[in-house]
Amino acid sequence: KAQMAADEMVSYFLDSDVPEWDFQAISADTTFYVNEN
């Protein structure tokens, strides 16, 4: 939400007209890593 509010070119599947496509939650299989910080 913060990114979309700051830049109109940024778009995510969130609060859209097609709710079933919207991001709901991550899962145990979601890809991740731990960065250098």
PDB file of all heavy atoms in Angstrom:
ATOM      1  N   LYS A   1       0.827  -1.205   0.000  1.00  0.00           N
ATOM      2  CA  LYS A   1       0.000   0.000   0.000  1.00  0.00           C
ATOM      3  C   LYS A   1       0.863   1.257   0.000  1.00  0.00           C
ATOM      4  O   LYS A   1       0.573   2.228  -0.722  1.00  0.00           O
ATOM      5  CB  LYS A   1      -0.933  -0.007   1.209  1.00  0.00           C
ATOM      6  CG  LYS A   1      -2.017  -1.072   1.146  1.00  0.00           C
ATOM      7  CD  LYS A   1      -2.854  -1.094   2.432  1.00  0.00           C
ATOM      8  CE  LYS A   1      -3.917  -2.180   2.377  1.00  0.00           C
ATOM      9  NZ  LYS A   1      -4.709  -2.248   3.637  1.00  0.00           N
ATOM     10  N   ALA A   2       1.928   1.248   0.797  1.00  0.00           N
ATOM     11  CA  ALA A   2       2.810   2.408   0.873  1.00  0.00           C
ATOM     12  C   ALA A   2       3.512   2.651  -0.460  1.00  0.00           C
ATOM     13  O   ALA A   2       3.637   3.805  -0.911  1.00  0.00           O
ATOM     14  CB  ALA A   2       3.834   2.216   1.989  1.00  0.00           C
ATOM     15  N   GLN A   3       3.960   1.596  -1.111  1.00  0.00           N
ATOM     16  CA  GLN A   3       4.637   1.744  -2.396  1.00  0.00           C
ATOM     17  C   GLN A   3       3.689   2.258  -3.474  1.00  0.00           C
ATOM     18  O   GLN A   3       4.057   3.115  -4.286  1.00  0.00           O
ATOM     19  CB  GLN A   3       5.240   0.398  -2.830  1.00  0.00           C
ATOM     20  CG  GLN A   3       6.422  -0.047  -2.001  1.00  0.00           C
ATOM     21  CD  GLN A   3       6.976  -1.385  -2.472  1.00  0.00           C
ATOM     22  OE1 GLN A   3       6.869  -1.748  -3.654  1.00  0.00           O
ATOM     23  NE2 GLN A   3       7.569  -2.136  -1.556  1.00  0.00           N
ATOM     24  N   MET A   4       2.461   1.743  -3.504  1.00  0.00           N
ATOM     25  CA  MET A   4       1.495   2.189  -4.507  1.00  0.00           C
ATOM     26  C   MET A   4       1.080   3.638  -4.276  1.00  0.00           C
ATOM     27  O   MET A   4       0.849   4.385  -5.231  1.00  0.00           O
ATOM     28  CB  MET A   4       0.273   1.262  -4.504  1.00  0.00           C
ATOM     29  CG  MET A   4       0.554  -0.119  -5.077  1.00  0.00           C
ATOM     30  SD  MET A   4      -0.938  -1.133  -5.348  1.00  0.00           S
ATOM     31  CE  MET A   4      -1.413  -1.477  -3.648  1.00  0.00           C
ATOM     32  N   ALA A   5       1.011   4.048  -3.006  1.00  0.00           N
ATOM     33  CA  ALA A   5       0.663   5.430  -2.701  1.00  0.00           C
ATOM     34  C   ALA A   5       1.776   6.388  -3.102  1.00  0.00           C
ATOM     35  O   ALA A   5       1.518   7.531  -3.496  1.00  0.00           O
ATOM     36  CB  ALA A   5       0.362   5.574  -1.213  1.00  0.00           C
ATOM     37  N   ALA A   6       3.014   5.918  -3.034  1.00  0.00           N
ATOM     38  CA  ALA A   6       4.163   6.766  -3.338  1.00  0.00           C
ATOM     39  C   ALA A   6       4.490   6.831  -4.827  1.00  0.00           C
ATOM     40  O   ALA A   6       5.106   7.789  -5.290  1.00  0.00           O
ATOM     41  CB  ALA A   6       5.387   6.281  -2.563  1.00  0.00           C
ATOM     42  N   ASP A   7       4.093   5.808  -5.592  1.00  0.00           N
ATOM     43  CA  ASP A   7       4.453   5.743  -7.014  1.00  0.00           C
ATOM     44  C   ASP A   7       3.301   5.116  -7.799  1.00  0.00           C
ATOM     45  O   ASP A   7       2.982   3.943  -7.613  1.00  0.00           O
ATOM     46  CB  ASP A   7       5.724   4.914  -7.187  1.00  0.00           C
ATOM     47  CG  ASP A   7       6.268   4.933  -8.612  1.00  0.00           C
ATOM     48  OD1 ASP A   7       5.550   5.372  -9.533  1.00  0.00           O
ATOM     49  OD2 ASP A   7       7.419   4.488  -8.796  1.00  0.00           O
ATOM     50  N   GLU A   8       2.693   5.889  -8.681  1.00  0.00           N
ATOM     51  CA  GLU A   8       1.545   5.391  -9.438  1.00  0.00           C
ATOM     52  C   GLU A   8       1.917   4.301 -10.427  1.00  0.00           C
ATOM     53  O   GLU A   8       1.050   3.583 -10.924  1.00  0.00           O
ATOM     54  CB  GLU A   8       0.866   6.541 -10.175  1.00  0.00           C
ATOM     55  CG  GLU A   8       1.749   7.223 -11.219  1.00  0.00           C
ATOM     56  CD  GLU A   8       1.043   8.366 -11.919  1.00  0.00           C
ATOM     57  OE1 GLU A   8      -0.049   8.752 -11.481  1.00  0.00           O
ATOM     58  OE2 GLU A   8       1.607   8.857 -12.923  1.00  0.00           O
ATOM     59  N   MET A   9       3.205   4.138 -10.709  1.00  0.00           N
ATOM     60  CA  MET A   9       3.650   3.076 -11.618  1.00  0.00           C
ATOM     61  C   MET A   9       3.771   1.737 -10.905  1.00  0.00           C
ATOM     62  O   MET A   9       3.917   0.701 -11.549  1.00  0.00           O
ATOM     63  CB  MET A   9       5.007   3.443 -12.233  1.00  0.00           C
ATOM     64  CG  MET A   9       4.958   4.661 -13.139  1.00  0.00           C
ATOM     65  SD  MET A   9       3.776   4.434 -14.507  1.00  0.00           S
ATOM     66  CE  MET A   9       4.570   3.102 -15.404  1.00  0.00           C
ATOM     67  N   VAL A  10       3.725   1.754  -9.589  1.00  0.00           N
ATOM     68  CA  VAL A  10       3.802   0.510  -8.817  1.00  0.00           C
ATOM     69  C   VAL A  10       2.398  -0.051  -8.641  1.00  0.00           C
ATOM     70  O   VAL A  10       1.467   0.677  -8.271  1.00  0.00           O
ATOM     71  CB  VAL A  10       4.452   0.755  -7.443  1.00  0.00           C
ATOM     72  CG1 VAL A  10       4.381  -0.512  -6.584  1.00  0.00           C
ATOM     73  CG2 VAL A  10       5.904   1.199  -7.617  1.00  0.00           C
ATOM     74  N   SER A  11       2.264  -1.334  -8.890  1.00  0.00           N
ATOM     75  CA  SER A  11       0.943  -1.967  -8.778  1.00  0.00           C
ATOM     76  C   SER A  11       1.065  -3.371  -8.211  1.00  0.00           C
ATOM     77  O   SER A  11       1.966  -4.129  -8.594  1.00  0.00           O
ATOM     78  CB  SER A  11       0.276  -2.026 -10.157  1.00  0.00           C
ATOM     79  OG  SER A  11      -0.976  -2.673 -10.071  1.00  0.00           O
ATOM     80  N   TYR A  12       0.169  -3.692  -7.277  1.00  0.00           N
ATOM     81  CA  TYR A  12       0.115  -5.032  -6.708  1.00  0.00           C
ATOM     82  C   TYR A  12      -1.323  -5.539  -6.750  1.00  0.00           C
ATOM     83  O   TYR A  12      -2.270  -4.742  -6.847  1.00  0.00           O
ATOM     84  CB  TYR A  12       0.613  -5.034  -5.258  1.00  0.00           C
ATOM     85  CG  TYR A  12       2.075  -4.723  -5.121  1.00  0.00           C
ATOM     86  CD1 TYR A  12       2.503  -3.487  -4.633  1.00  0.00           C
ATOM     87  CD2 TYR A  12       3.038  -5.661  -5.475  1.00  0.00           C
ATOM     88  CE1 TYR A  12       3.858  -3.194  -4.509  1.00  0.00           C
ATOM     89  CE2 TYR A  12       4.393  -5.378  -5.348  1.00  0.00           C
ATOM     90  CZ  TYR A  12       4.792  -4.147  -4.868  1.00  0.00           C
ATOM     91  OH  TYR A  12       6.125  -3.858  -4.766  1.00  0.00           O
ATOM     92  N   PHE A  13      -1.474  -6.846  -6.678  1.00  0.00           N
ATOM     93  CA  PHE A  13      -2.806  -7.443  -6.621  1.00  0.00           C
ATOM     94  C   PHE A  13      -3.322  -7.316  -5.187  1.00  0.00           C
ATOM     95  O   PHE A  13      -3.217  -8.234  -4.375  1.00  0.00           O
ATOM     96  CB  PHE A  13      -2.762  -8.913  -7.038  1.00  0.00           C
ATOM     97  CG  PHE A  13      -2.255  -9.126  -8.449  1.00  0.00           C
ATOM     98  CD1 PHE A  13      -1.500 -10.249  -8.766  1.00  0.00           C
ATOM     99  CD2 PHE A  13      -2.537  -8.222  -9.454  1.00  0.00           C
ATOM    100  CE1 PHE A  13      -1.040 -10.464 -10.050  1.00  0.00           C
ATOM    101  CE2 PHE A  13      -2.078  -8.423 -10.750  1.00  0.00           C
ATOM    102  CZ  PHE A  13      -1.320  -9.538 -11.053  1.00  0.00           C
ATOM    103  N   LEU A  14      -3.867  -6.167  -4.882  1.00  0.00           N
ATOM    104  CA  LEU A  14      -4.323  -5.887  -3.522  1.00  0.00           C
ATOM    105  C   LEU A  14      -5.479  -4.895  -3.593  1.00  0.00           C
ATOM    106  O   LEU A  14      -5.388  -3.877  -4.290  1.00  0.00           O
ATOM    107  CB  LEU A  14      -3.178  -5.294  -2.689  1.00  0.00           C
ATOM    108  CG  LEU A  14      -3.435  -5.130  -1.197  1.00  0.00           C
ATOM    109  CD1 LEU A  14      -3.515  -6.495  -0.526  1.00  0.00           C
ATOM    110  CD2 LEU A  14      -2.324  -4.288  -0.560  1.00  0.00           C
ATOM    111  N   ASP A  15      -6.582  -5.221  -2.889  1.00  0.00           N
ATOM    112  CA  ASP A  15      -7.776  -4.357  -2.873  1.00  0.00           C
ATOM    113  C   ASP A  15      -8.239  -4.011  -4.284  1.00  0.00           C
ATOM    114  O   ASP A  15      -8.606  -2.870  -4.591  1.00  0.00           O
ATOM    115  CB  ASP A  15      -7.480  -3.061  -2.100  1.00  0.00           C
ATOM    116  CG  ASP A  15      -7.101  -3.316  -0.651  1.00  0.00           C
ATOM    117  OD1 ASP A  15      -7.559  -4.331  -0.098  1.00  0.00           O
ATOM    118  OD2 ASP A  15      -6.351  -2.503  -0.084  1.00  0.00           O
ATOM    119  N   SER A  16      -8.225  -5.009  -5.159  1.00  0.00           N
ATOM    120  CA  SER A  16      -8.581  -4.788  -6.558  1.00  0.00           C
ATOM    121  C   SER A  16     -10.058  -5.103  -6.809  1.00  0.00           C
ATOM    122  O   SER A  16     -10.801  -5.484  -5.890  1.00  0.00           O
ATOM    123  CB  SER A  16      -7.718  -5.668  -7.462  1.00  0.00           C
ATOM    124  OG  SER A  16      -8.108  -7.034  -7.350  1.00  0.00           O
ATOM    125  N   ASP A  17     -10.460  -4.967  -8.070  1.00  0.00           N
ATOM    126  CA  ASP A  17     -11.838  -5.281  -8.458  1.00  0.00           C
ATOM    127  C   ASP A  17     -12.058  -6.783  -8.594  1.00  0.00           C
ATOM    128  O   ASP A  17     -13.190  -7.229  -8.818  1.00  0.00           O
ATOM    129  CB  ASP A  17     -12.168  -4.590  -9.789  1.00  0.00           C
ATOM    130  CG  ASP A  17     -12.155  -3.074  -9.664  1.00  0.00           C
ATOM    131  OD1 ASP A  17     -12.394  -2.581  -8.554  1.00  0.00           O
ATOM    132  OD2 ASP A  17     -11.879  -2.403 -10.676  1.00  0.00           O
ATOM    133  N   VAL A  18     -10.976  -7.539  -8.496  1.00  0.00           N
ATOM    134  CA  VAL A  18     -11.079  -9.006  -8.582  1.00  0.00           C
ATOM    135  C   VAL A  18     -10.456  -9.576  -7.291  1.00  0.00           C
ATOM    136  O   VAL A  18      -9.291  -9.998  -7.277  1.00  0.00           O
ATOM    137  CB  VAL A  18     -10.347  -9.551  -9.817  1.00  0.00           C
ATOM    138  CG1 VAL A  18     -10.648 -11.047  -9.996  1.00  0.00           C
ATOM    139  CG2 VAL A  18     -10.713  -8.772 -11.067  1.00  0.00           C
ATOM    140  N   PRO A  19     -11.209  -9.580  -6.205  1.00  0.00           N
ATOM    141  CA  PRO A  19     -10.670  -9.988  -4.896  1.00  0.00           C
ATOM    142  C   PRO A  19     -10.012 -11.357  -4.885  1.00  0.00           C
ATOM    143  O   PRO A  19      -9.042 -11.580  -4.133  1.00  0.00           O
ATOM    144  CB  PRO A  19     -11.901  -9.959  -3.989  1.00  0.00           C
ATOM    145  CG  PRO A  19     -12.834  -9.002  -4.647  1.00  0.00           C
ATOM    146  CD  PRO A  19     -12.621  -9.187  -6.126  1.00  0.00           C
ATOM    147  N   GLU A  20     -10.519 -12.286  -5.685  1.00  0.00           N
ATOM    148  CA  GLU A  20      -9.948 -13.632  -5.672  1.00  0.00           C
ATOM    149  C   GLU A  20      -8.517 -13.663  -6.215  1.00  0.00           C
ATOM    150  O   GLU A  20      -7.796 -14.637  -6.027  1.00  0.00           O
ATOM    151  CB  GLU A  20     -10.830 -14.614  -6.449  1.00  0.00           C
ATOM    152  CG  GLU A  20     -11.074 -14.253  -7.899  1.00  0.00           C
ATOM    153  CD  GLU A  20     -12.341 -13.422  -8.092  1.00  0.00           C
ATOM    154  OE1 GLU A  20     -12.722 -12.700  -7.154  1.00  0.00           O
ATOM    155  OE2 GLU A  20     -12.934 -13.520  -9.184  1.00  0.00           O
ATOM    156  N   TRP A  21      -8.116 -12.616  -6.933  1.00  0.00           N
ATOM    157  CA  TRP A  21      -6.750 -12.531  -7.433  1.00  0.00           C
ATOM    158  C   TRP A  21      -5.823 -11.833  -6.437  1.00  0.00           C
ATOM    159  O   TRP A  21      -4.614 -11.868  -6.580  1.00  0.00           O
ATOM    160  CB  TRP A  21      -6.699 -11.761  -8.755  1.00  0.00           C
ATOM    161  CG  TRP A  21      -7.312 -12.499  -9.912  1.00  0.00           C
ATOM    162  CD1 TRP A  21      -7.898 -13.732  -9.895  1.00  0.00           C
ATOM    163  CD2 TRP A  21      -7.394 -12.032 -11.264  1.00  0.00           C
ATOM    164  NE1 TRP A  21      -8.361 -14.068 -11.147  1.00  0.00           N
ATOM    165  CE2 TRP A  21      -8.057 -13.045 -12.011  1.00  0.00           C
ATOM    166  CE3 TRP A  21      -6.998 -10.864 -11.910  1.00  0.00           C
ATOM    167  CZ2 TRP A  21      -8.318 -12.921 -13.370  1.00  0.00           C
ATOM    168  CZ3 TRP A  21      -7.243 -10.739 -13.275  1.00  0.00           C
ATOM    169  CH2 TRP A  21      -7.895 -11.761 -14.004  1.00  0.00           C
ATOM    170  N   ASP A  22      -6.385 -11.187  -5.451  1.00  0.00           N
ATOM    171  CA  ASP A  22      -5.588 -10.376  -4.535  1.00  0.00           C
ATOM    172  C   ASP A  22      -4.686 -11.226  -3.651  1.00  0.00           C
ATOM    173  O   ASP A  22      -5.014 -12.367  -3.309  1.00  0.00           O
ATOM    174  CB  ASP A  22      -6.496  -9.522  -3.645  1.00  0.00           C
ATOM    175  CG  ASP A  22      -7.123  -8.363  -4.394  1.00  0.00           C
ATOM    176  OD1 ASP A  22      -6.740  -8.138  -5.559  1.00  0.00           O
ATOM    177  OD2 ASP A  22      -8.005  -7.695  -3.822  1.00  0.00           O
ATOM    178  N   PHE A  23      -3.576 -10.616  -3.271  1.00  0.00           N
ATOM    179  CA  PHE A  23      -2.673 -11.268  -2.328  1.00  0.00           C
ATOM    180  C   PHE A  23      -3.362 -11.378  -0.965  1.00  0.00           C
ATOM    181  O   PHE A  23      -3.864 -10.393  -0.430  1.00  0.00           O
ATOM    182  CB  PHE A  23      -1.377 -10.458  -2.193  1.00  0.00           C
ATOM    183  CG  PHE A  23      -0.506 -10.891  -1.057  1.00  0.00           C
ATOM    184  CD1 PHE A  23       0.149 -12.120  -1.089  1.00  0.00           C
ATOM    185  CD2 PHE A  23      -0.334 -10.083   0.067  1.00  0.00           C
ATOM    186  CE1 PHE A  23       0.961 -12.526  -0.029  1.00  0.00           C
ATOM    187  CE2 PHE A  23       0.474 -10.478   1.118  1.00  0.00           C
ATOM    188  CZ  PHE A  23       1.121 -11.692   1.076  1.00  0.00           C
ATOM    189  N   GLN A  24      -3.364 -12.592  -0.418  1.00  0.00           N
ATOM    190  CA  GLN A  24      -3.987 -12.834   0.886  1.00  0.00           C
ATOM    191  C   GLN A  24      -2.938 -13.066   1.977  1.00  0.00           C
ATOM    192  O   GLN A  24      -2.961 -12.423   3.022  1.00  0.00           O
ATOM    193  CB  GLN A  24      -4.924 -14.045   0.799  1.00  0.00           C
ATOM    194  CG  GLN A  24      -6.027 -13.909  -0.234  1.00  0.00           C
ATOM    195  CD  GLN A  24      -6.978 -12.766   0.067  1.00  0.00           C
ATOM    196  OE1 GLN A  24      -7.212 -12.427   1.229  1.00  0.00           O
ATOM    197  NE2 GLN A  24      -7.546 -12.153  -0.983  1.00  0.00           N
ATOM    198  N   ALA A  25      -2.041 -14.002   1.707  1.00  0.00           N
ATOM    199  CA  ALA A  25      -1.037 -14.336   2.730  1.00  0.00           C
ATOM    200  C   ALA A  25       0.076 -15.166   2.108  1.00  0.00           C
ATOM    201  O   ALA A  25      -0.104 -15.801   1.061  1.00  0.00           O
ATOM    202  CB  ALA A  25      -1.681 -15.111   3.878  1.00  0.00           C
ATOM    203  N   ILE A  26       1.228 -15.157   2.760  1.00  0.00           N
ATOM    204  CA  ILE A  26       2.318 -16.040   2.362  1.00  0.00           C
ATOM    205  C   ILE A  26       1.977 -17.460   2.811  1.00  0.00           C
ATOM    206  O   ILE A  26       0.952 -17.690   3.454  1.00  0.00           O
ATOM    207  CB  ILE A  26       3.645 -15.596   2.990  1.00  0.00           C
ATOM    208  CG1 ILE A  26       3.551 -15.662   4.530  1.00  0.00           C
ATOM    209  CG2 ILE A  26       4.026 -14.207   2.525  1.00  0.00           C
ATOM    210  CD1 ILE A  26       4.879 -15.498   5.236  1.00  0.00           C
ATOM    211  N   SER A  27       2.839 -18.398   2.493  1.00  0.00           N
ATOM    212  CA  SER A  27       2.667 -19.781   2.939  1.00  0.00           C
ATOM    213  C   SER A  27       4.001 -20.312   3.447  1.00  0.00           C
ATOM    214  O   SER A  27       5.031 -19.631   3.359  1.00  0.00           O
ATOM    215  CB  SER A  27       2.171 -20.664   1.786  1.00  0.00           C
ATOM    216  OG  SER A  27       3.205 -20.857   0.832  1.00  0.00           O
ATOM    217  N   ALA A  28       3.973 -21.517   3.946  1.00  0.00           N
ATOM    218  CA  ALA A  28       5.212 -22.134   4.445  1.00  0.00           C
ATOM    219  C   ALA A  28       6.206 -22.380   3.319  1.00  0.00           C
ATOM    220  O   ALA A  28       7.404 -22.562   3.563  1.00  0.00           O
ATOM    221  CB  ALA A  28       4.892 -23.444   5.159  1.00  0.00           C
ATOM    222  N   ASP A  29       5.715 -22.386   2.063  1.00  0.00           N
ATOM    223  CA  ASP A  29       6.576 -22.635   0.905  1.00  0.00           C
ATOM    224  C   ASP A  29       7.022 -21.359   0.212  1.00  0.00           C
ATOM    225  O   ASP A  29       7.695 -21.418  -0.822  1.00  0.00           O
ATOM    226  CB  ASP A  29       5.843 -23.522  -0.109  1.00  0.00           C
ATOM    227  CG  ASP A  29       5.502 -24.887   0.460  1.00  0.00           C
ATOM    228  OD1 ASP A  29       6.335 -25.438   1.209  1.00  0.00           O
ATOM    229  OD2 ASP A  29       4.417 -25.406   0.152  1.00  0.00           O
ATOM    230  N   THR A  30       6.647 -20.217   0.730  1.00  0.00           N
ATOM    231  CA  THR A  30       7.018 -18.954   0.106  1.00  0.00           C
ATOM    232  C   THR A  30       8.543 -18.813   0.049  1.00  0.00           C
ATOM    233  O   THR A  30       9.248 -19.148   0.995  1.00  0.00           O
ATOM    234  CB  THR A  30       6.409 -17.770   0.883  1.00  0.00           C
ATOM    235  OG1 THR A  30       4.985 -17.818   0.756  1.00  0.00           O
ATOM    236  CG2 THR A  30       6.907 -16.439   0.337  1.00  0.00           C
ATOM    237  N   THR A  31       9.030 -18.294  -1.075  1.00  0.00           N
ATOM    238  CA  THR A  31      10.469 -18.117  -1.267  1.00  0.00           C
ATOM    239  C   THR A  31      10.979 -16.981  -0.380  1.00  0.00           C
ATOM    240  O   THR A  31      10.329 -15.951  -0.236  1.00  0.00           O
ATOM    241  CB  THR A  31      10.770 -17.796  -2.739  1.00  0.00           C
ATOM    242  OG1 THR A  31      10.259 -18.852  -3.564  1.00  0.00           O
ATOM    243  CG2 THR A  31      12.271 -17.667  -2.983  1.00  0.00           C
ATOM    244  N   PHE A  32      12.166 -17.178   0.187  1.00  0.00           N
ATOM    245  CA  PHE A  32      12.751 -16.166   1.076  1.00  0.00           C
ATOM    246  C   PHE A  32      14.256 -16.270   1.064  1.00  0.00           C
ATOM    247  O   PHE A  32      14.832 -17.241   0.563  1.00  0.00           O
ATOM    248  CB  PHE A  32      12.253 -16.357   2.509  1.00  0.00           C
ATOM    249  CG  PHE A  32      12.915 -17.525   3.209  1.00  0.00           C
ATOM    250  CD1 PHE A  32      14.028 -17.342   4.021  1.00  0.00           C
ATOM    251  CD2 PHE A  32      12.436 -18.822   3.034  1.00  0.00           C
ATOM    252  CE1 PHE A  32      14.650 -18.422   4.642  1.00  0.00           C
ATOM    253  CE2 PHE A  32      13.048 -19.901   3.653  1.00  0.00           C
ATOM    254  CZ  PHE A  32      14.163 -19.697   4.463  1.00  0.00           C
ATOM    255  N   TYR A  33      14.902 -15.274   1.618  1.00  0.00           N
ATOM    256  CA  TYR A  33      16.320 -15.370   1.951  1.00  0.00           C
ATOM    257  C   TYR A  33      16.621 -14.372   3.060  1.00  0.00           C
ATOM    258  O   TYR A  33      15.778 -13.547   3.419  1.00  0.00           O
ATOM    259  CB  TYR A  33      17.218 -15.129   0.731  1.00  0.00           C
ATOM    260  CG  TYR A  33      17.194 -13.727   0.154  1.00  0.00           C
ATOM    261  CD1 TYR A  33      18.107 -12.757   0.558  1.00  0.00           C
ATOM    262  CD2 TYR A  33      16.269 -13.382  -0.835  1.00  0.00           C
ATOM    263  CE1 TYR A  33      18.100 -11.483   0.015  1.00  0.00           C
ATOM    264  CE2 TYR A  33      16.252 -12.113  -1.384  1.00  0.00           C
ATOM    265  CZ  TYR A  33      17.174 -11.159  -0.953  1.00  0.00           C
ATOM    266  OH  TYR A  33      17.153  -9.901  -1.495  1.00  0.00           O
ATOM    267  N   VAL A  34      17.809 -14.483   3.640  1.00  0.00           N
ATOM    268  CA  VAL A  34      18.270 -13.543   4.657  1.00  0.00           C
ATOM    269  C   VAL A  34      19.375 -12.712   4.019  1.00  0.00           C
ATOM    270  O   VAL A  34      20.377 -13.268   3.544  1.00  0.00           O
ATOM    271  CB  VAL A  34      18.783 -14.271   5.915  1.00  0.00           C
ATOM    272  CG1 VAL A  34      19.361 -13.263   6.909  1.00  0.00           C
ATOM    273  CG2 VAL A  34      17.656 -15.074   6.552  1.00  0.00           C
ATOM    274  N   ASN A  35      19.190 -11.382   3.977  1.00  0.00           N
ATOM    275  CA  ASN A  35      20.149 -10.549   3.263  1.00  0.00           C
ATOM    276  C   ASN A  35      21.388 -10.251   4.102  1.00  0.00           C
ATOM    277  O   ASN A  35      21.522 -10.709   5.249  1.00  0.00           O
ATOM    278  CB  ASN A  35      19.489  -9.256   2.751  1.00  0.00           C
ATOM    279  CG  ASN A  35      19.022  -8.335   3.869  1.00  0.00           C
ATOM    280  OD1 ASN A  35      19.465  -8.425   5.017  1.00  0.00           O
ATOM    281  ND2 ASN A  35      18.111  -7.429   3.540  1.00  0.00           N
ATOM    282  N   GLU A  36      22.298  -9.462   3.538  1.00  0.00           N
ATOM    283  CA  GLU A  36      23.584  -9.209   4.195  1.00  0.00           C
ATOM    284  C   GLU A  36      23.438  -8.430   5.498  1.00  0.00           C
ATOM    285  O   GLU A  36      24.357  -8.428   6.330  1.00  0.00           O
ATOM    286  CB  GLU A  36      24.502  -8.449   3.241  1.00  0.00           C
ATOM    287  CG  GLU A  36      23.966  -7.117   2.799  1.00  0.00           C
ATOM    288  CD  GLU A  36      24.848  -6.432   1.764  1.00  0.00           C
ATOM    289  OE1 GLU A  36      25.823  -7.056   1.317  1.00  0.00           O
ATOM    290  OE2 GLU A  36      24.554  -5.283   1.420  1.00  0.00           O
ATOM    291  N   ASN A  37      22.294  -7.794   5.675  1.00  0.00           N
ATOM    292  CA  ASN A  37      22.039  -7.069   6.922  1.00  0.00           C
ATOM    293  C   ASN A  37      21.329  -7.928   7.966  1.00  0.00           C
ATOM    294  O   ASN A  37      20.940  -7.437   9.025  1.00  0.00           O
ATOM    295  CB  ASN A  37      21.204  -5.815   6.639  1.00  0.00           C
ATOM    296  CG  ASN A  37      21.934  -4.825   5.758  1.00  0.00           C
ATOM    297  OD1 ASN A  37      23.135  -4.593   5.937  1.00  0.00           O
ATOM    298  ND2 ASN A  37      21.242  -4.248   4.794  1.00  0.00           N
TER     299      ASN A  37
END
